[in-house]
Amino acid sequence: QVQLVESGGGLVQPGGSLRLSCTASGFTFSSYAASWYRQAPGKERELVAAVTSGGAYARYVDSVKGRFTISRDNAKNAVYLQMNSLKPEDTATYYCKAVRSALQDYWGQGTQVTVSS
């Protein structure tokens, strides 16, 4: 059974940090690129960060550059998102995605991140 399970979300004050984790099972995670998306209420889902299957290359949406870092550990079938200097506008449900092709992509169920004082 294919699964992606996110964890690590929660409530944090502005300027704080969180580390999201996403653990994969049921498929060969190391063959898939991985990414984090987020969706705020009333807004479209947007790509936040992505990393290649081997972890060598990463890219970020401009609004999180310098604050967020995506990484992965293929030995643990996991991808992470370290989020620093969090802002209220980072509040959203965060989803991880694993993709190999247009017909081979999987989503997690999401984890809520709320940045508020």
Protein backbone atom coordinates (compact mmCIF):
# COMPACT_ATOMS: atom_id res chain seq x y z
CA GLN A 1 0.00 0.00 0.00
CA VAL A 2 1.42 3.35 -1.08
CA GLN A 3 1.55 5.93 1.68
CA LEU A 4 3.05 9.33 2.35
CA VAL A 5 2.62 10.47 5.92
CA GLU A 6 3.46 14.01 6.99
CA SER A 7 4.18 15.11 10.53
CA GLY A 8 5.66 18.04 12.40
CA GLY A 9 3.06 20.71 11.84
CA GLY A 10 1.64 22.84 14.61
CA LEU A 11 1.24 26.32 16.02
CA VAL A 12 4.32 28.54 16.15
CA GLN A 13 4.93 32.22 16.80
CA PRO A 14 6.21 34.51 14.05
CA GLY A 15 9.97 34.14 13.75
CA GLY A 16 9.86 30.58 15.00
CA SER A 17 10.84 27.32 13.34
CA LEU A 18 9.27 24.00 12.47
CA ARG A 19 10.56 20.89 10.79
CA LEU A 20 8.12 18.91 8.69
CA SER A 21 8.74 15.26 7.92
CA CYS A 22 7.20 13.02 5.29
CA THR A 23 7.74 9.28 5.39
CA ALA A 24 7.05 7.10 2.36
CA SER A 25 6.13 3.44 2.12
CA GLY A 26 4.88 1.02 -0.50
CA PHE A 27 7.05 2.25 -3.36
CA THR A 28 10.69 2.90 -4.22
CA PHE A 29 10.98 6.37 -2.77
CA SER A 30 14.58 6.86 -3.91
CA SER A 31 13.41 6.77 -7.54
CA TYR A 32 11.04 9.68 -7.08
CA ALA A 33 11.55 13.40 -6.92
CA ALA A 34 9.94 14.86 -3.82
CA SER A 35 8.34 18.17 -3.08
CA TRP A 36 6.38 20.16 -0.54
CA TYR A 37 3.25 22.08 -1.46
CA ARG A 38 1.03 24.25 0.67
CA GLN A 39 -2.52 25.47 0.48
CA ALA A 40 -3.97 28.31 2.50
CA PRO A 41 -7.74 28.79 2.90
CA GLY A 42 -9.22 30.30 -0.25
CA LYS A 43 -5.98 29.99 -2.18
CA GLU A 44 -4.63 27.58 -4.74
CA ARG A 45 -2.12 24.93 -3.80
CA GLU A 46 1.40 26.13 -4.51
CA LEU A 47 4.75 24.45 -4.82
CA VAL A 48 7.01 25.45 -1.94
CA ALA A 49 10.15 23.37 -2.51
CA ALA A 50 11.29 20.40 -4.54
CA VAL A 51 14.29 18.08 -4.50
CA THR A 52 15.55 15.58 -7.04
CA SER A 53 15.49 11.85 -6.38
CA GLY A 54 19.13 11.76 -5.27
CA GLY A 55 18.89 14.96 -3.30
CA ALA A 56 21.51 16.84 -5.29
CA TYR A 57 19.31 19.67 -6.56
CA ALA A 58 16.59 21.69 -4.88
CA ARG A 59 14.46 24.66 -5.81
CA TYR A 60 12.18 26.97 -3.90
CA VAL A 61 9.38 29.43 -4.44
CA ASP A 62 10.74 32.95 -4.07
CA SER A 63 8.75 33.68 -0.91
CA VAL A 64 10.60 31.02 1.12
CA LYS A 65 14.12 31.28 -0.29
CA GLY A 66 16.65 31.71 2.49
CA ARG A 67 14.15 30.58 5.14
CA PHE A 68 13.14 27.03 4.17
CA THR A 69 15.36 24.07 3.36
CA ILE A 70 14.22 20.83 1.75
CA SER A 71 16.23 17.67 2.29
CA ARG A 72 15.76 13.94 2.02
CA ASP A 73 17.14 10.73 3.47
CA ASN A 74 16.51 7.88 1.06
CA ALA A 75 17.74 5.34 3.58
CA LYS A 76 14.82 6.38 5.77
CA ASN A 77 12.37 6.95 2.88
CA ALA A 78 11.84 10.46 4.13
CA VAL A 79 11.79 14.05 2.95
CA TYR A 80 11.97 17.04 5.28
CA LEU A 81 11.19 20.73 5.21
CA GLN A 82 13.05 22.88 7.71
CA MET A 83 11.16 26.15 8.09
CA ASN A 84 12.83 29.07 9.84
CA SER A 85 11.83 32.69 10.37
CA LEU A 86 8.20 31.74 9.91
CA LYS A 87 5.69 34.42 8.98
CA PRO A 88 1.91 34.53 9.36
CA GLU A 89 1.63 34.21 5.59
CA ASP A 90 3.26 30.77 5.83
CA THR A 91 0.10 29.52 7.53
CA ALA A 92 -1.31 26.70 5.41
CA THR A 93 -1.77 22.98 5.12
CA TYR A 94 1.50 21.50 3.90
CA TYR A 95 1.53 18.44 1.66
CA CYS A 96 4.36 16.28 0.47
CA LYS A 97 4.39 14.76 -2.99
CA ALA A 98 6.51 12.10 -4.62
CA VAL A 99 6.62 12.07 -8.42
CA ARG A 100 8.30 9.92 -11.01
CA SER A 101 6.17 10.61 -14.05
CA ALA A 102 2.77 11.99 -15.00
CA LEU A 103 1.26 8.63 -14.12
CA GLN A 104 3.29 7.98 -11.01
CA ASP A 105 2.74 10.58 -8.33
CA TYR A 106 1.58 10.29 -4.76
CA TRP A 107 0.36 12.78 -2.17
CA GLY A 108 0.30 12.82 1.57
CA GLN A 109 -2.73 13.80 3.62
CA GLY A 110 -1.29 17.12 4.78
CA THR A 111 -0.18 18.70 8.04
CA GLN A 112 -1.37 22.06 9.34
CA VAL A 113 1.09 24.86 10.03
CA THR A 114 -0.22 27.94 11.81
CA VAL A 115 2.00 30.95 12.42
CA SER A 116 0.40 33.30 14.91
CA SER A 117 1.14 35.22 18.06
